[in-house]
Amino acid sequence: MQRVQKICQHPVWKEKMAELAQLEKDRVFCKHGIEHLLDVARLAYIENLEEHCGIDKECIYAAALLHDVGKGLQYTQKIPHEKGGIEFASVILKDCGFDAQESKEILEAIAGHRDVSNKECKNLPGMLYRADKHSRMCGFCKVCNLCNWSEEKKNYNIFL
């Protein structure tokens, strides 16, 4: 998992995470910090193991750690974060030693992590989609009734 550790030490990742923390400092709803990213990684990895999907652990963790790296662009420039983060993630993956094929798969997962068509897919984009949604614990949120997510999107269950 050395390459995953490098992601967390990468100056661009650290800058984007600090920027995101500042942008979300007054946010009362779900935030997109390291707790969320690791929840997504762990849920996706558990699914990978239970379903015998055979996806590399480092690729799962890399995708999870990078899937919201463009969130600041969504807040400041209205660029969807799954699109805006691809450029940052591409540079980070290359610098951290992921090869071209691994980077392609991870970037596809980042780009597709909000695409409902991936909901049932048994691949990295599908795992990332489900883990991202399942990581939210709406049933335990004190401000759930104020959230603008539809009832269909809210997660009231404990998954995996």
Protein backbone atom coordinates (compact mmCIF):
# COMPACT_ATOMS: atom_id res chain seq x y z
CA MET A 1 0.00 0.00 0.00
CA GLN A 2 3.02 2.28 -0.43
CA ARG A 3 1.47 4.01 -3.43
CA VAL A 4 -1.67 4.77 -1.42
CA GLN A 5 0.48 6.32 1.30
CA LYS A 6 2.13 8.45 -1.40
CA ILE A 7 -1.30 9.75 -2.45
CA CYS A 8 -1.90 11.02 1.08
CA GLN A 9 1.49 12.72 1.06
CA HIS A 10 1.18 14.20 -2.43
CA PRO A 11 1.22 18.02 -2.36
CA VAL A 12 -1.71 18.35 -4.79
CA TRP A 13 -3.88 15.92 -2.76
CA LYS A 14 -2.99 17.67 0.48
CA GLU A 15 -3.73 21.09 -1.06
CA LYS A 16 -7.10 19.96 -2.45
CA MET A 17 -8.08 18.30 0.83
CA ALA A 18 -7.15 21.43 2.82
CA GLU A 19 -9.10 23.60 0.36
CA LEU A 20 -12.11 21.29 0.65
CA ALA A 21 -11.95 21.34 4.45
CA GLN A 22 -11.99 25.14 4.36
CA LEU A 23 -14.89 25.23 1.89
CA GLU A 24 -16.88 22.79 4.05
CA LYS A 25 -15.97 24.21 7.47
CA ASP A 26 -19.50 25.49 8.06
CA ARG A 27 -21.26 22.61 6.28
CA VAL A 28 -23.68 20.77 8.57
CA PHE A 29 -24.31 17.91 6.16
CA CYS A 30 -21.97 15.13 5.07
CA LYS A 31 -18.44 16.34 4.54
CA HIS A 32 -15.85 14.97 2.16
CA GLY A 33 -12.81 14.61 4.39
CA ILE A 34 -10.56 11.66 5.10
CA GLU A 35 -13.23 9.90 7.19
CA HIS A 36 -15.56 9.75 4.19
CA LEU A 37 -12.78 8.74 1.81
CA LEU A 38 -11.64 5.89 4.06
CA ASP A 39 -15.23 4.76 4.66
CA VAL A 40 -15.67 4.53 0.88
CA ALA A 41 -12.38 2.65 0.49
CA ARG A 42 -13.19 0.15 3.21
CA LEU A 43 -16.74 -0.51 2.02
CA ALA A 44 -15.54 -1.02 -1.56
CA TYR A 45 -12.75 -3.33 -0.40
CA ILE A 46 -15.13 -5.40 1.73
CA GLU A 47 -17.42 -5.79 -1.28
CA ASN A 48 -14.42 -6.74 -3.41
CA LEU A 49 -13.51 -9.51 -0.96
CA GLU A 50 -17.05 -10.77 -0.36
CA GLU A 51 -17.97 -10.82 -4.03
CA HIS A 52 -14.58 -12.20 -5.17
CA CYS A 53 -14.17 -9.42 -7.72
CA GLY A 54 -10.36 -9.55 -7.75
CA ILE A 55 -9.77 -5.80 -7.94
CA ASP A 56 -6.41 -4.70 -6.60
CA LYS A 57 -6.60 -3.26 -3.08
CA GLU A 58 -4.35 -0.30 -3.94
CA CYS A 59 -6.54 0.60 -6.91
CA ILE A 60 -9.65 0.52 -4.72
CA TYR A 61 -8.04 2.74 -2.08
CA ALA A 62 -6.58 5.08 -4.71
CA ALA A 63 -9.98 5.53 -6.35
CA ALA A 64 -11.63 6.17 -2.99
CA LEU A 65 -9.00 8.65 -1.83
CA LEU A 66 -9.22 10.56 -5.11
CA HIS A 67 -12.93 10.39 -5.98
CA ASP A 68 -13.74 13.76 -4.37
CA VAL A 69 -10.44 15.54 -5.12
CA GLY A 70 -12.30 17.89 -7.50
CA LYS A 71 -15.03 18.82 -5.01
CA GLY A 72 -13.55 22.28 -4.51
CA LEU A 73 -14.06 22.99 -8.22
CA GLN A 74 -17.70 22.05 -7.85
CA TYR A 75 -18.12 24.54 -5.02
CA THR A 76 -16.12 27.38 -6.57
CA GLN A 77 -16.60 26.97 -10.33
CA LYS A 78 -19.71 24.75 -10.64
CA ILE A 79 -17.65 22.05 -12.38
CA PRO A 80 -18.99 18.58 -11.50
CA HIS A 81 -16.38 17.16 -9.15
CA GLU A 82 -16.23 13.79 -10.86
CA LYS A 83 -15.05 15.62 -13.99
CA GLY A 84 -13.03 18.35 -12.34
CA GLY A 85 -11.00 15.94 -10.26
CA ILE A 86 -9.75 13.83 -13.17
CA GLU A 87 -6.87 16.19 -14.00
CA PHE A 88 -5.68 16.33 -10.38
CA ALA A 89 -6.08 12.57 -9.95
CA SER A 90 -4.20 11.84 -13.17
CA VAL A 91 -1.15 13.78 -12.02
CA ILE A 92 -1.26 12.26 -8.54
CA LEU A 93 -1.57 8.69 -9.84
CA LYS A 94 1.38 9.13 -12.20
CA ASP A 95 3.54 10.68 -9.48
CA CYS A 96 2.62 7.87 -7.06
CA GLY A 97 3.65 5.06 -9.41
CA PHE A 98 0.38 3.77 -10.83
CA ASP A 99 0.84 2.44 -14.35
CA ALA A 100 -1.21 3.52 -17.37
CA GLN A 101 -3.75 0.67 -17.12
CA GLU A 102 -4.27 1.10 -13.38
CA SER A 103 -4.64 4.87 -13.81
CA LYS A 104 -7.18 4.37 -16.61
CA GLU A 105 -9.32 2.09 -14.41
CA ILE A 106 -9.08 4.40 -11.40
CA LEU A 107 -9.91 7.49 -13.48
CA GLU A 108 -12.90 5.69 -15.02
CA ALA A 109 -14.12 4.86 -11.52
CA ILE A 110 -13.72 8.47 -10.39
CA ALA A 111 -15.53 9.73 -13.50
CA GLY A 112 -18.36 7.24 -12.98
CA HIS A 113 -18.80 7.33 -9.22
CA ARG A 114 -21.98 9.43 -9.48
CA ASP A 115 -23.37 7.72 -12.59
CA VAL A 116 -26.45 5.69 -11.64
CA SER A 117 -25.80 3.36 -14.59
CA ASN A 118 -22.89 1.95 -12.54
CA LYS A 119 -25.19 1.07 -9.63
CA GLU A 120 -25.26 -2.66 -10.42
CA CYS A 121 -21.86 -3.04 -12.12
CA LYS A 122 -19.42 -5.49 -10.54
CA ASN A 123 -16.36 -3.41 -11.40
CA LEU A 124 -14.43 -0.57 -9.79
CA PRO A 125 -16.83 2.18 -10.94
CA GLY A 126 -19.76 0.17 -9.55
CA MET A 127 -18.03 -0.51 -6.26
CA LEU A 128 -17.07 3.13 -5.86
CA TYR A 129 -20.62 4.24 -6.69
CA ARG A 130 -22.16 1.92 -4.08
CA ALA A 131 -19.55 2.55 -1.41
CA ASP A 132 -19.92 6.31 -1.82
CA LYS A 133 -23.67 6.08 -1.32
CA HIS A 134 -23.53 3.47 1.45
CA SER A 135 -20.95 5.44 3.42
CA ARG A 136 -23.55 8.07 4.26
CA MET A 137 -25.42 7.37 7.48
CA CYS A 138 -28.52 9.50 7.02
CA GLY A 139 -30.43 7.53 9.65
CA PHE A 140 -28.05 8.80 12.32
CA CYS A 141 -27.71 12.37 11.05
CA LYS A 142 -29.07 15.10 13.31
CA VAL A 143 -29.88 17.37 10.35
CA CYS A 144 -31.16 14.72 7.95
CA ASN A 145 -34.55 16.43 7.75
CA LEU A 146 -32.84 19.57 6.39
CA CYS A 147 -30.82 17.72 3.74
CA ASN A 148 -31.70 18.37 0.10
CA TRP A 149 -31.11 14.74 -0.92
CA SER A 150 -34.29 12.97 -2.02
CA GLU A 151 -35.61 10.22 0.22
CA GLU A 152 -34.60 7.70 -2.46
CA LYS A 153 -30.96 8.82 -2.22
CA LYS A 154 -30.75 8.90 1.57
CA ASN A 155 -29.15 5.91 3.24
CA TYR A 156 -30.97 4.63 6.28
CA ASN A 157 -29.26 1.21 6.32
CA ILE A 158 -25.95 -0.12 7.53
CA PHE A 159 -24.26 -1.83 4.60
CA LEU A 160 -21.66 -4.55 4.65
